Amino acid sequence: MTEESGQRRNDLDVARLQRRLADFAAARDWQKYHTPKNLVAALSVEASELVEIFQWLTPEQSTRVMDDPDTAHRVTDEVADVLAYLLQLCEVLGIDALAALDAKIDRNEERFPKPGPK
């Protein structure tokens, strides 16, 4: 990792990434295609491409998927694609992704409390 990429990683946050994605789309005049319907469809396609990598692996093989550099690269790219479309969808719909996740974890903690002592 270069010093520049390390610094860039330290500067990452959701809003900055959403701005970069929006700027990228705007520079190519793609905003007209970034409707919620299209973004959800693209998100689904990218998630399916991620599933495809794991589809025929055994559970044990799936835990070692990052050991193979080529497969690790594919997984990393597909995760990035899924996240990119999810962040773009959140931007278009005005959803704060981190706040939504935080609230969902709160609801899940209430819905599925820790088991008590045995």
PDB file of N, CA and C in Angstrom:
ATOM      1  N   MET A   1       0.847  -1.174   0.000  1.00  0.00           N
ATOM      2  CA  MET A   1       0.000   0.000   0.000  1.00  0.00           C
ATOM      3  C   MET A   1       0.890   1.235   0.000  1.00  0.00           C
ATOM      4  N   THR A   2       0.573   2.148  -0.910  1.00  0.00           N
ATOM      5  CA  THR A   2       1.350   3.381  -0.956  1.00  0.00           C
ATOM      6  C   THR A   2       0.881   4.319   0.147  1.00  0.00           C
ATOM      7  N   GLU A   3       1.704   5.310   0.437  1.00  0.00           N
ATOM      8  CA  GLU A   3       1.321   6.294   1.455  1.00  0.00           C
ATOM      9  C   GLU A   3       0.050   7.026   1.033  1.00  0.00           C
ATOM     10  N   GLU A   4      -0.036   7.333  -0.279  1.00  0.00           N
ATOM     11  CA  GLU A   4      -1.218   8.039  -0.787  1.00  0.00           C
ATOM     12  C   GLU A   4      -2.480   7.190  -0.620  1.00  0.00           C
ATOM     13  N   SER A   5      -2.424   5.896  -0.993  1.00  0.00           N
ATOM     14  CA  SER A   5      -3.620   5.062  -0.856  1.00  0.00           C
ATOM     15  C   SER A   5      -3.947   4.822   0.609  1.00  0.00           C
ATOM     16  N   GLY A   6      -2.933   4.738   1.450  1.00  0.00           N
ATOM     17  CA  GLY A   6      -3.179   4.598   2.885  1.00  0.00           C
ATOM     18  C   GLY A   6      -3.860   5.822   3.451  1.00  0.00           C
ATOM     19  N   GLN A   7      -3.415   7.010   3.053  1.00  0.00           N
ATOM     20  CA  GLN A   7      -4.052   8.246   3.511  1.00  0.00           C
ATOM     21  C   GLN A   7      -5.476   8.329   2.984  1.00  0.00           C
ATOM     22  N   ARG A   8      -5.672   7.952   1.714  1.00  0.00           N
ATOM     23  CA  ARG A   8      -7.013   7.999   1.137  1.00  0.00           C
ATOM     24  C   ARG A   8      -7.948   7.079   1.916  1.00  0.00           C
ATOM     25  N   ARG A   9      -7.481   5.885   2.290  1.00  0.00           N
ATOM     26  CA  ARG A   9      -8.294   4.956   3.070  1.00  0.00           C
ATOM     27  C   ARG A   9      -8.673   5.557   4.415  1.00  0.00           C
ATOM     28  N   ASN A  10      -7.761   6.282   5.031  1.00  0.00           N
ATOM     29  CA  ASN A  10      -8.049   6.925   6.311  1.00  0.00           C
ATOM     30  C   ASN A  10      -9.098   8.023   6.164  1.00  0.00           C
ATOM     31  N   ASP A  11      -9.204   8.609   4.972  1.00  0.00           N
ATOM     32  CA  ASP A  11     -10.148   9.692   4.734  1.00  0.00           C
ATOM     33  C   ASP A  11     -11.517   9.196   4.260  1.00  0.00           C
ATOM     34  N   LEU A  12     -11.697   7.887   4.123  1.00  0.00           N
ATOM     35  CA  LEU A  12     -12.945   7.368   3.584  1.00  0.00           C
ATOM     36  C   LEU A  12     -14.092   7.517   4.576  1.00  0.00           C
ATOM     37  N   ASP A  13     -15.219   7.940   4.054  1.00  0.00           N
ATOM     38  CA  ASP A  13     -16.461   7.917   4.805  1.00  0.00           C
ATOM     39  C   ASP A  13     -17.587   7.783   3.789  1.00  0.00           C
ATOM     40  N   VAL A  14     -18.763   7.459   4.255  1.00  0.00           N
ATOM     41  CA  VAL A  14     -19.874   7.184   3.358  1.00  0.00           C
ATOM     42  C   VAL A  14     -20.205   8.400   2.491  1.00  0.00           C
ATOM     43  N   ALA A  15     -20.299   9.557   3.086  1.00  0.00           N
ATOM     44  CA  ALA A  15     -20.666  10.757   2.320  1.00  0.00           C
ATOM     45  C   ALA A  15     -19.645  11.051   1.225  1.00  0.00           C
ATOM     46  N   ARG A  16     -18.377  10.894   1.542  1.00  0.00           N
ATOM     47  CA  ARG A  16     -17.331  11.156   0.539  1.00  0.00           C
ATOM     48  C   ARG A  16     -17.426  10.157  -0.614  1.00  0.00           C
ATOM     49  N   LEU A  17     -17.660   8.900  -0.292  1.00  0.00           N
ATOM     50  CA  LEU A  17     -17.802   7.888  -1.340  1.00  0.00           C
ATOM     51  C   LEU A  17     -19.045   8.152  -2.192  1.00  0.00           C
ATOM     52  N   GLN A  18     -20.140   8.534  -1.545  1.00  0.00           N
ATOM     53  CA  GLN A  18     -21.347   8.855  -2.306  1.00  0.00           C
ATOM     54  C   GLN A  18     -21.104  10.039  -3.235  1.00  0.00           C
ATOM     55  N   ARG A  19     -20.367  11.036  -2.762  1.00  0.00           N
ATOM     56  CA  ARG A  19     -20.048  12.194  -3.599  1.00  0.00           C
ATOM     57  C   ARG A  19     -19.192  11.767  -4.797  1.00  0.00           C
ATOM     58  N   ARG A  20     -18.209  10.913  -4.560  1.00  0.00           N
ATOM     59  CA  ARG A  20     -17.359  10.431  -5.667  1.00  0.00           C
ATOM     60  C   ARG A  20     -18.190   9.667  -6.688  1.00  0.00           C
ATOM     61  N   LEU A  21     -19.089   8.815  -6.211  1.00  0.00           N
ATOM     62  CA  LEU A  21     -19.955   8.060  -7.120  1.00  0.00           C
ATOM     63  C   LEU A  21     -20.858   8.998  -7.913  1.00  0.00           C
ATOM     64  N   ALA A  22     -21.425   9.998  -7.244  1.00  0.00           N
ATOM     65  CA  ALA A  22     -22.290  10.960  -7.930  1.00  0.00           C
ATOM     66  C   ALA A  22     -21.496  11.766  -8.958  1.00  0.00           C
ATOM     67  N   ASP A  23     -20.310  12.190  -8.595  1.00  0.00           N
ATOM     68  CA  ASP A  23     -19.458  12.938  -9.524  1.00  0.00           C
ATOM     69  C   ASP A  23     -19.088  12.082 -10.734  1.00  0.00           C
ATOM     70  N   PHE A  24     -18.768  10.817 -10.494  1.00  0.00           N
ATOM     71  CA  PHE A  24     -18.425   9.893 -11.569  1.00  0.00           C
ATOM     72  C   PHE A  24     -19.594   9.764 -12.548  1.00  0.00           C
ATOM     73  N   ALA A  25     -20.808   9.575 -11.998  1.00  0.00           N
ATOM     74  CA  ALA A  25     -21.996   9.438 -12.849  1.00  0.00           C
ATOM     75  C   ALA A  25     -22.288  10.738 -13.592  1.00  0.00           C
ATOM     76  N   ALA A  26     -22.173  11.865 -12.904  1.00  0.00           N
ATOM     77  CA  ALA A  26     -22.461  13.162 -13.526  1.00  0.00           C
ATOM     78  C   ALA A  26     -21.503  13.450 -14.682  1.00  0.00           C
ATOM     79  N   ALA A  27     -20.244  13.114 -14.509  1.00  0.00           N
ATOM     80  CA  ALA A  27     -19.247  13.368 -15.552  1.00  0.00           C
ATOM     81  C   ALA A  27     -19.549  12.578 -16.824  1.00  0.00           C
ATOM     82  N   ARG A  28     -20.311  11.513 -16.688  1.00  0.00           N
ATOM     83  CA  ARG A  28     -20.648  10.661 -17.833  1.00  0.00           C
ATOM     84  C   ARG A  28     -22.113  10.814 -18.243  1.00  0.00           C
ATOM     85  N   ASP A  29     -22.817  11.753 -17.589  1.00  0.00           N
ATOM     86  CA  ASP A  29     -24.238  12.004 -17.837  1.00  0.00           C
ATOM     87  C   ASP A  29     -25.075  10.740 -17.598  1.00  0.00           C
ATOM     88  N   TRP A  30     -24.765  10.031 -16.533  1.00  0.00           N
ATOM     89  CA  TRP A  30     -25.478   8.797 -16.205  1.00  0.00           C
ATOM     90  C   TRP A  30     -26.569   9.004 -15.157  1.00  0.00           C
ATOM     91  N   GLN A  31     -26.691  10.204 -14.574  1.00  0.00           N
ATOM     92  CA  GLN A  31     -27.663  10.394 -13.494  1.00  0.00           C
ATOM     93  C   GLN A  31     -29.074  10.017 -13.926  1.00  0.00           C
ATOM     94  N   LYS A  32     -29.408  10.252 -15.186  1.00  0.00           N
ATOM     95  CA  LYS A  32     -30.764   9.953 -15.669  1.00  0.00           C
ATOM     96  C   LYS A  32     -31.086   8.469 -15.562  1.00  0.00           C
ATOM     97  N   TYR A  33     -30.059   7.631 -15.504  1.00  0.00           N
ATOM     98  CA  TYR A  33     -30.270   6.193 -15.383  1.00  0.00           C
ATOM     99  C   TYR A  33     -30.309   5.734 -13.927  1.00  0.00           C
ATOM    100  N   HIS A  34     -29.937   6.608 -13.033  1.00  0.00           N
ATOM    101  CA  HIS A  34     -29.824   6.234 -11.622  1.00  0.00           C
ATOM    102  C   HIS A  34     -31.132   6.465 -10.869  1.00  0.00           C
ATOM    103  N   THR A  35     -32.174   5.819 -11.369  1.00  0.00           N
ATOM    104  CA  THR A  35     -33.463   5.834 -10.681  1.00  0.00           C
ATOM    105  C   THR A  35     -33.438   4.735  -9.620  1.00  0.00           C
ATOM    106  N   PRO A  36     -34.290   4.833  -8.611  1.00  0.00           N
ATOM    107  CA  PRO A  36     -34.321   3.759  -7.614  1.00  0.00           C
ATOM    108  C   PRO A  36     -34.522   2.372  -8.251  1.00  0.00           C
ATOM    109  N   LYS A  37     -35.423   2.275  -9.205  1.00  0.00           N
ATOM    110  CA  LYS A  37     -35.677   0.991  -9.876  1.00  0.00           C
ATOM    111  C   LYS A  37     -34.421   0.437 -10.535  1.00  0.00           C
ATOM    112  N   ASN A  38     -33.726   1.274 -11.292  1.00  0.00           N
ATOM    113  CA  ASN A  38     -32.521   0.820 -11.984  1.00  0.00           C
ATOM    114  C   ASN A  38     -31.401   0.486 -11.009  1.00  0.00           C
ATOM    115  N   LEU A  39     -31.264   1.278  -9.959  1.00  0.00           N
ATOM    116  CA  LEU A  39     -30.206   1.013  -8.978  1.00  0.00           C
ATOM    117  C   LEU A  39     -30.464  -0.282  -8.219  1.00  0.00           C
ATOM    118  N   VAL A  40     -31.723  -0.544  -7.874  1.00  0.00           N
ATOM    119  CA  VAL A  40     -32.050  -1.806  -7.196  1.00  0.00           C
ATOM    120  C   VAL A  40     -31.791  -2.988  -8.124  1.00  0.00           C
ATOM    121  N   ALA A  41     -32.145  -2.846  -9.387  1.00  0.00           N
ATOM    122  CA  ALA A  41     -31.887  -3.922 -10.343  1.00  0.00           C
ATOM    123  C   ALA A  41     -30.387  -4.182 -10.475  1.00  0.00           C
ATOM    124  N   ALA A  42     -29.606  -3.117 -10.595  1.00  0.00           N
ATOM    125  CA  ALA A  42     -28.157  -3.260 -10.715  1.00  0.00           C
ATOM    126  C   ALA A  42     -27.561  -3.862  -9.444  1.00  0.00           C
ATOM    127  N   LEU A  43     -28.074  -3.446  -8.296  1.00  0.00           N
ATOM    128  CA  LEU A  43     -27.636  -4.009  -7.015  1.00  0.00           C
ATOM    129  C   LEU A  43     -27.890  -5.507  -6.977  1.00  0.00           C
ATOM    130  N   SER A  44     -29.054  -5.911  -7.421  1.00  0.00           N
ATOM    131  CA  SER A  44     -29.404  -7.332  -7.450  1.00  0.00           C
ATOM    132  C   SER A  44     -28.474  -8.124  -8.374  1.00  0.00           C
ATOM    133  N   VAL A  45     -28.183  -7.557  -9.522  1.00  0.00           N
ATOM    134  CA  VAL A  45     -27.274  -8.221 -10.475  1.00  0.00           C
ATOM    135  C   VAL A  45     -25.893  -8.390  -9.855  1.00  0.00           C
ATOM    136  N   GLU A  46     -25.383  -7.328  -9.241  1.00  0.00           N
ATOM    137  CA  GLU A  46     -24.051  -7.413  -8.643  1.00  0.00           C
ATOM    138  C   GLU A  46     -24.027  -8.380  -7.466  1.00  0.00           C
ATOM    139  N   ALA A  47     -25.087  -8.387  -6.662  1.00  0.00           N
ATOM    140  CA  ALA A  47     -25.157  -9.359  -5.561  1.00  0.00           C
ATOM    141  C   ALA A  47     -25.186 -10.777  -6.112  1.00  0.00           C
ATOM    142  N   SER A  48     -25.875 -10.977  -7.220  1.00  0.00           N
ATOM    143  CA  SER A  48     -25.910 -12.305  -7.852  1.00  0.00           C
ATOM    144  C   SER A  48     -24.536 -12.710  -8.376  1.00  0.00           C
ATOM    145  N   GLU A  49     -23.783 -11.745  -8.866  1.00  0.00           N
ATOM    146  CA  GLU A  49     -22.427 -12.051  -9.324  1.00  0.00           C
ATOM    147  C   GLU A  49     -21.551 -12.459  -8.143  1.00  0.00           C
ATOM    148  N   LEU A  50     -21.779 -11.880  -6.994  1.00  0.00           N
ATOM    149  CA  LEU A  50     -21.063 -12.287  -5.779  1.00  0.00           C
ATOM    150  C   LEU A  50     -21.487 -13.698  -5.367  1.00  0.00           C
ATOM    151  N   VAL A  51     -22.782 -13.967  -5.402  1.00  0.00           N
ATOM    152  CA  VAL A  51     -23.288 -15.309  -5.084  1.00  0.00           C
ATOM    153  C   VAL A  51     -22.671 -16.345  -6.016  1.00  0.00           C
ATOM    154  N   GLU A  52     -22.548 -16.000  -7.290  1.00  0.00           N
ATOM    155  CA  GLU A  52     -22.020 -16.928  -8.285  1.00  0.00           C
ATOM    156  C   GLU A  52     -20.632 -17.451  -7.906  1.00  0.00           C
ATOM    157  N   ILE A  53     -19.821 -16.613  -7.308  1.00  0.00           N
ATOM    158  CA  ILE A  53     -18.475 -17.027  -6.906  1.00  0.00           C
ATOM    159  C   ILE A  53     -18.538 -18.130  -5.861  1.00  0.00           C
ATOM    160  N   PHE A  54     -19.528 -18.055  -4.979  1.00  0.00           N
ATOM    161  CA  PHE A  54     -19.650 -18.987  -3.861  1.00  0.00           C
ATOM    162  C   PHE A  54     -20.586 -20.163  -4.148  1.00  0.00           C
ATOM    163  N   GLN A  55     -21.322 -20.091  -5.223  1.00  0.00           N
ATOM    164  CA  GLN A  55     -22.437 -20.999  -5.479  1.00  0.00           C
ATOM    165  C   GLN A  55     -22.132 -22.475  -5.268  1.00  0.00           C
ATOM    166  N   TRP A  56     -21.080 -22.984  -5.800  1.00  0.00           N
ATOM    167  CA  TRP A  56     -20.817 -24.423  -5.737  1.00  0.00           C
ATOM    168  C   TRP A  56     -19.700 -24.774  -4.769  1.00  0.00           C
ATOM    169  N   LEU A  57     -19.306 -23.834  -3.940  1.00  0.00           N
ATOM    170  CA  LEU A  57     -18.285 -24.118  -2.934  1.00  0.00           C
ATOM    171  C   LEU A  57     -18.913 -24.806  -1.731  1.00  0.00           C
ATOM    172  N   THR A  58     -18.136 -25.653  -1.101  1.00  0.00           N
ATOM    173  CA  THR A  58     -18.590 -26.204   0.172  1.00  0.00           C
ATOM    174  C   THR A  58     -18.473 -25.114   1.231  1.00  0.00           C
ATOM    175  N   PRO A  59     -19.123 -25.281   2.365  1.00  0.00           N
ATOM    176  CA  PRO A  59     -18.958 -24.281   3.426  1.00  0.00           C
ATOM    177  C   PRO A  59     -17.486 -24.082   3.798  1.00  0.00           C
ATOM    178  N   GLU A  60     -16.730 -25.155   3.830  1.00  0.00           N
ATOM    179  CA  GLU A  60     -15.307 -25.052   4.168  1.00  0.00           C
ATOM    180  C   GLU A  60     -14.540 -24.281   3.094  1.00  0.00           C
ATOM    181  N   GLN A  61     -14.809 -24.570   1.832  1.00  0.00           N
ATOM    182  CA  GLN A  61     -14.141 -23.848   0.747  1.00  0.00           C
ATOM    183  C   GLN A  61     -14.479 -22.352   0.793  1.00  0.00           C
ATOM    184  N   SER A  62     -15.722 -22.054   1.138  1.00  0.00           N
ATOM    185  CA  SER A  62     -16.133 -20.645   1.160  1.00  0.00           C
ATOM    186  C   SER A  62     -15.377 -19.841   2.218  1.00  0.00           C
ATOM    187  N   THR A  63     -14.964 -20.499   3.291  1.00  0.00           N
ATOM    188  CA  THR A  63     -14.207 -19.780   4.333  1.00  0.00           C
ATOM    189  C   THR A  63     -12.778 -19.478   3.893  1.00  0.00           C
ATOM    190  N   ARG A  64     -12.327 -20.152   2.846  1.00  0.00           N
ATOM    191  CA  ARG A  64     -10.955 -19.958   2.357  1.00  0.00           C
ATOM    192  C   ARG A  64     -10.910 -19.215   1.023  1.00  0.00           C
ATOM    193  N   VAL A  65     -12.011 -18.618   0.632  1.00  0.00           N
ATOM    194  CA  VAL A  65     -12.108 -18.007  -0.693  1.00  0.00           C
ATOM    195  C   VAL A  65     -11.076 -16.900  -0.906  1.00  0.00           C
ATOM    196  N   MET A  66     -10.688 -16.225   0.142  1.00  0.00           N
ATOM    197  CA  MET A  66      -9.739 -15.127  -0.004  1.00  0.00           C
ATOM    198  C   MET A  66      -8.288 -15.611  -0.064  1.00  0.00           C
ATOM    199  N   ASP A  67      -8.069 -16.907   0.076  1.00  0.00           N
ATOM    200  CA  ASP A  67      -6.712 -17.457  -0.011  1.00  0.00           C
ATOM    201  C   ASP A  67      -6.171 -17.468  -1.434  1.00  0.00           C
ATOM    202  N   ASP A  68      -7.054 -17.551  -2.412  1.00  0.00           N
ATOM    203  CA  ASP A  68      -6.653 -17.558  -3.814  1.00  0.00           C
ATOM    204  C   ASP A  68      -6.680 -16.117  -4.329  1.00  0.00           C
ATOM    205  N   PRO A  69      -5.547 -15.588  -4.769  1.00  0.00           N
ATOM    206  CA  PRO A  69      -5.505 -14.177  -5.174  1.00  0.00           C
ATOM    207  C   PRO A  69      -6.509 -13.805  -6.265  1.00  0.00           C
ATOM    208  N   ASP A  70      -6.692 -14.664  -7.271  1.00  0.00           N
ATOM    209  CA  ASP A  70      -7.637 -14.342  -8.343  1.00  0.00           C
ATOM    210  C   ASP A  70      -9.072 -14.299  -7.822  1.00  0.00           C
ATOM    211  N   THR A  71      -9.428 -15.278  -7.013  1.00  0.00           N
ATOM    212  CA  THR A  71     -10.782 -15.306  -6.454  1.00  0.00           C
ATOM    213  C   THR A  71     -10.972 -14.163  -5.473  1.00  0.00           C
ATOM    214  N   ALA A  72      -9.966 -13.890  -4.681  1.00  0.00           N
ATOM    215  CA  ALA A  72     -10.044 -12.778  -3.728  1.00  0.00           C
ATOM    216  C   ALA A  72     -10.287 -11.466  -4.462  1.00  0.00           C
ATOM    217  N   HIS A  73      -9.620 -11.280  -5.587  1.00  0.00           N
ATOM    218  CA  HIS A  73      -9.812 -10.068  -6.385  1.00  0.00           C
ATOM    219  C   HIS A  73     -11.248  -9.988  -6.896  1.00  0.00           C
ATOM    220  N   ARG A  74     -11.780 -11.108  -7.389  1.00  0.00           N
ATOM    221  CA  ARG A  74     -13.162 -11.132  -7.883  1.00  0.00           C
ATOM    222  C   ARG A  74     -14.147 -10.821  -6.766  1.00  0.00           C
ATOM    223  N   VAL A  75     -13.955 -11.437  -5.596  1.00  0.00           N
ATOM    224  CA  VAL A  75     -14.842 -11.194  -4.461  1.00  0.00           C
ATOM    225  C   VAL A  75     -14.788  -9.721  -4.068  1.00  0.00           C
ATOM    226  N   THR A  76     -13.589  -9.188  -3.960  1.00  0.00           N
ATOM    227  CA  THR A  76     -13.416  -7.788  -3.574  1.00  0.00           C
ATOM    228  C   THR A  76     -14.101  -6.861  -4.571  1.00  0.00           C
ATOM    229  N   ASP A  77     -13.944  -7.119  -5.858  1.00  0.00           N
ATOM    230  CA  ASP A  77     -14.592  -6.290  -6.876  1.00  0.00           C
ATOM    231  C   ASP A  77     -16.108  -6.359  -6.778  1.00  0.00           C
ATOM    232  N   GLU A  78     -16.644  -7.550  -6.589  1.00  0.00           N
ATOM    233  CA  GLU A  78     -18.106  -7.684  -6.507  1.00  0.00           C
ATOM    234  C   GLU A  78     -18.648  -7.040  -5.238  1.00  0.00           C
ATOM    235  N   VAL A  79     -17.938  -7.167  -4.135  1.00  0.00           N
ATOM    236  CA  VAL A  79     -18.354  -6.481  -2.905  1.00  0.00           C
ATOM    237  C   VAL A  79     -18.375  -4.976  -3.148  1.00  0.00           C
ATOM    238  N   ALA A  80     -17.357  -4.466  -3.829  1.00  0.00           N
ATOM    239  CA  ALA A  80     -17.303  -3.027  -4.136  1.00  0.00           C
ATOM    240  C   ALA A  80     -18.471  -2.626  -5.030  1.00  0.00           C
ATOM    241  N   ASP A  81     -18.801  -3.451  -6.013  1.00  0.00           N
ATOM    242  CA  ASP A  81     -19.935  -3.142  -6.889  1.00  0.00           C
ATOM    243  C   ASP A  81     -21.249  -3.107  -6.108  1.00  0.00           C
ATOM    244  N   VAL A  82     -21.452  -4.091  -5.238  1.00  0.00           N
ATOM    245  CA  VAL A  82     -22.664  -4.130  -4.416  1.00  0.00           C
ATOM    246  C   VAL A  82     -22.744  -2.879  -3.546  1.00  0.00           C
ATOM    247  N   LEU A  83     -21.644  -2.552  -2.889  1.00  0.00           N
ATOM    248  CA  LEU A  83     -21.629  -1.380  -2.021  1.00  0.00           C
ATOM    249  C   LEU A  83     -21.857  -0.098  -2.814  1.00  0.00           C
ATOM    250  N   ALA A  84     -21.267   0.002  -3.993  1.00  0.00           N
ATOM    251  CA  ALA A  84     -21.435   1.205  -4.820  1.00  0.00           C
ATOM    252  C   ALA A  84     -22.906   1.417  -5.165  1.00  0.00           C
ATOM    253  N   TYR A  85     -23.570   0.372  -5.620  1.00  0.00           N
ATOM    254  CA  TYR A  85     -24.982   0.531  -5.973  1.00  0.00           C
ATOM    255  C   TYR A  85     -25.843   0.771  -4.737  1.00  0.00           C
ATOM    256  N   LEU A  86     -25.518   0.157  -3.620  1.00  0.00           N
ATOM    257  CA  LEU A  86     -26.272   0.392  -2.394  1.00  0.00           C
ATOM    258  C   LEU A  86     -26.117   1.846  -1.936  1.00  0.00           C
ATOM    259  N   LEU A  87     -24.894   2.354  -1.979  1.00  0.00           N
ATOM    260  CA  LEU A  87     -24.677   3.748  -1.585  1.00  0.00           C
ATOM    261  C   LEU A  87     -25.367   4.720  -2.536  1.00  0.00           C
ATOM    262  N   GLN A  88     -25.358   4.411  -3.822  1.00  0.00           N
ATOM    263  CA  GLN A  88     -26.046   5.272  -4.777  1.00  0.00           C
ATOM    264  C   GLN A  88     -27.555   5.242  -4.542  1.00  0.00           C
ATOM    265  N   LEU A  89     -28.099   4.075  -4.239  1.00  0.00           N
ATOM    266  CA  LEU A  89     -29.519   3.963  -3.940  1.00  0.00           C
ATOM    267  C   LEU A  89     -29.870   4.790  -2.704  1.00  0.00           C
ATOM    268  N   CYS A  90     -29.054   4.668  -1.674  1.00  0.00           N
ATOM    269  CA  CYS A  90     -29.284   5.450  -0.452  1.00  0.00           C
ATOM    270  C   CYS A  90     -29.246   6.941  -0.744  1.00  0.00           C
ATOM    271  N   GLU A  91     -28.309   7.361  -1.568  1.00  0.00           N
ATOM    272  CA  GLU A  91     -28.196   8.780  -1.926  1.00  0.00           C
ATOM    273  C   GLU A  91     -29.457   9.255  -2.641  1.00  0.00           C
ATOM    274  N   VAL A  92     -29.920   8.494  -3.610  1.00  0.00           N
ATOM    275  CA  VAL A  92     -31.097   8.881  -4.392  1.00  0.00           C
ATOM    276  C   VAL A  92     -32.351   8.916  -3.520  1.00  0.00           C
ATOM    277  N   LEU A  93     -32.464   7.989  -2.569  1.00  0.00           N
ATOM    278  CA  LEU A  93     -33.652   7.913  -1.722  1.00  0.00           C
ATOM    279  C   LEU A  93     -33.541   8.737  -0.446  1.00  0.00           C
ATOM    280  N   GLY A  94     -32.365   9.333  -0.206  1.00  0.00           N
ATOM    281  CA  GLY A  94     -32.182  10.140   1.002  1.00  0.00           C
ATOM    282  C   GLY A  94     -32.073   9.308   2.270  1.00  0.00           C
ATOM    283  N   ILE A  95     -31.520   8.117   2.148  1.00  0.00           N
ATOM    284  CA  ILE A  95     -31.335   7.232   3.303  1.00  0.00           C
ATOM    285  C   ILE A  95     -29.921   7.385   3.828  1.00  0.00           C
ATOM    286  N   ASP A  96     -29.788   7.615   5.105  1.00  0.00           N
ATOM    287  CA  ASP A  96     -28.490   7.616   5.764  1.00  0.00           C
ATOM    288  C   ASP A  96     -28.168   6.153   6.067  1.00  0.00           C
ATOM    289  N   ALA A  97     -27.286   5.562   5.284  1.00  0.00           N
ATOM    290  CA  ALA A  97     -27.014   4.125   5.382  1.00  0.00           C
ATOM    291  C   ALA A  97     -26.527   3.719   6.769  1.00  0.00           C
ATOM    292  N   LEU A  98     -25.628   4.502   7.346  1.00  0.00           N
ATOM    293  CA  LEU A  98     -25.095   4.143   8.662  1.00  0.00           C
ATOM    294  C   LEU A  98     -26.154   4.271   9.748  1.00  0.00           C
ATOM    295  N   ALA A  99     -26.981   5.313   9.682  1.00  0.00           N
ATOM    296  CA  ALA A  99     -28.060   5.467  10.658  1.00  0.00           C
ATOM    297  C   ALA A  99     -29.089   4.357  10.497  1.00  0.00           C
ATOM    298  N   ALA A 100     -29.386   3.976   9.264  1.00  0.00           N
ATOM    299  CA  ALA A 100     -30.335   2.891   9.014  1.00  0.00           C
ATOM    300  C   ALA A 100     -29.808   1.575   9.582  1.00  0.00           C
ATOM    301  N   LEU A 101     -28.528   1.314   9.381  1.00  0.00           N
ATOM    302  CA  LEU A 101     -27.933   0.093   9.911  1.00  0.00           C
ATOM    303  C   LEU A 101     -27.922   0.109  11.435  1.00  0.00           C
ATOM    304  N   ASP A 102     -27.561   1.235  12.015  1.00  0.00           N
ATOM    305  CA  ASP A 102     -27.535   1.357  13.466  1.00  0.00           C
ATOM    306  C   ASP A 102     -28.923   1.099  14.056  1.00  0.00           C
ATOM    307  N   ALA A 103     -29.961   1.682  13.442  1.00  0.00           N
ATOM    308  CA  ALA A 103     -31.332   1.482  13.915  1.00  0.00           C
ATOM    309  C   ALA A 103     -31.767   0.032  13.745  1.00  0.00           C
ATOM    310  N   LYS A 104     -31.349  -0.594  12.657  1.00  0.00           N
ATOM    311  CA  LYS A 104     -31.703  -1.999  12.414  1.00  0.00           C
ATOM    312  C   LYS A 104     -31.056  -2.907  13.452  1.00  0.00           C
ATOM    313  N   ILE A 105     -29.806  -2.645  13.792  1.00  0.00           N
ATOM    314  CA  ILE A 105     -29.128  -3.434  14.828  1.00  0.00           C
ATOM    315  C   ILE A 105     -29.860  -3.262  16.152  1.00  0.00           C
ATOM    316  N   ASP A 106     -30.273  -2.031  16.476  1.00  0.00           N
ATOM    317  CA  ASP A 106     -31.040  -1.793  17.702  1.00  0.00           C
ATOM    318  C   ASP A 106     -32.316  -2.639  17.707  1.00  0.00           C
ATOM    319  N   ARG A 107     -33.055  -2.633  16.585  1.00  0.00           N
ATOM    320  CA  ARG A 107     -34.293  -3.420  16.516  1.00  0.00           C
ATOM    321  C   ARG A 107     -34.008  -4.910  16.652  1.00  0.00           C
ATOM    322  N   ASN A 108     -32.936  -5.369  16.028  1.00  0.00           N
ATOM    323  CA  ASN A 108     -32.588  -6.791  16.120  1.00  0.00           C
ATOM    324  C   ASN A 108     -32.186  -7.180  17.532  1.00  0.00           C
ATOM    325  N   GLU A 109     -31.500  -6.286  18.233  1.00  0.00           N
ATOM    326  CA  GLU A 109     -31.127  -6.579  19.624  1.00  0.00           C
ATOM    327  C   GLU A 109     -32.365  -6.713  20.501  1.00  0.00           C
ATOM    328  N   GLU A 110     -33.381  -5.917  20.223  1.00  0.00           N
ATOM    329  CA  GLU A 110     -34.639  -6.042  20.966  1.00  0.00           C
ATOM    330  C   GLU A 110     -35.400  -7.298  20.550  1.00  0.00           C
ATOM    331  N   ARG A 111     -35.417  -7.549  19.285  1.00  0.00           N
ATOM    332  CA  ARG A 111     -36.161  -8.693  18.743  1.00  0.00           C
ATOM    333  C   ARG A 111     -35.531 -10.024  19.102  1.00  0.00           C
ATOM    334  N   PHE A 112     -34.215 -10.065  19.147  1.00  0.00           N
ATOM    335  CA  PHE A 112     -33.470 -11.295  19.435  1.00  0.00           C
ATOM    336  C   PHE A 112     -32.534 -11.046  20.611  1.00  0.00           C
ATOM    337  N   PRO A 113     -33.096 -11.006  21.829  1.00  0.00           N
ATOM    338  CA  PRO A 113     -32.244 -10.719  22.991  1.00  0.00           C
ATOM    339  C   PRO A 113     -31.213 -11.823  23.213  1.00  0.00           C
ATOM    340  N   LYS A 114     -30.142 -11.439  23.898  1.00  0.00           N
ATOM    341  CA  LYS A 114     -29.102 -12.413  24.251  1.00  0.00           C
ATOM    342  C   LYS A 114     -29.742 -13.505  25.122  1.00  0.00           C
ATOM    343  N   PRO A 115     -29.281 -14.732  24.923  1.00  0.00           N
ATOM    344  CA  PRO A 115     -29.805 -15.789  25.801  1.00  0.00           C
ATOM    345  C   PRO A 115     -29.386 -15.528  27.243  1.00  0.00           C
ATOM    346  N   GLY A 116     -30.276 -15.855  28.138  1.00  0.00           N
ATOM    347  CA  GLY A 116     -29.974 -15.693  29.557  1.00  0.00           C
ATOM    348  C   GLY A 116     -29.060 -16.798  30.029  1.00  0.00           C
ATOM    349  N   PRO A 117     -28.632 -16.707  31.268  1.00  0.00           N
ATOM    350  CA  PRO A 117     -27.757 -17.752  31.818  1.00  0.00           C
ATOM    351  C   PRO A 117     -28.485 -19.097  31.841  1.00  0.00           C
ATOM    352  N   LYS A 118     -27.704 -20.161  31.662  1.00  0.00           N
ATOM    353  CA  LYS A 118     -28.304 -21.504  31.658  1.00  0.00           C
ATOM    354  C   LYS A 118     -28.245 -22.122  33.011  1.00  0.00           C
TER     355      LYS A 118
END
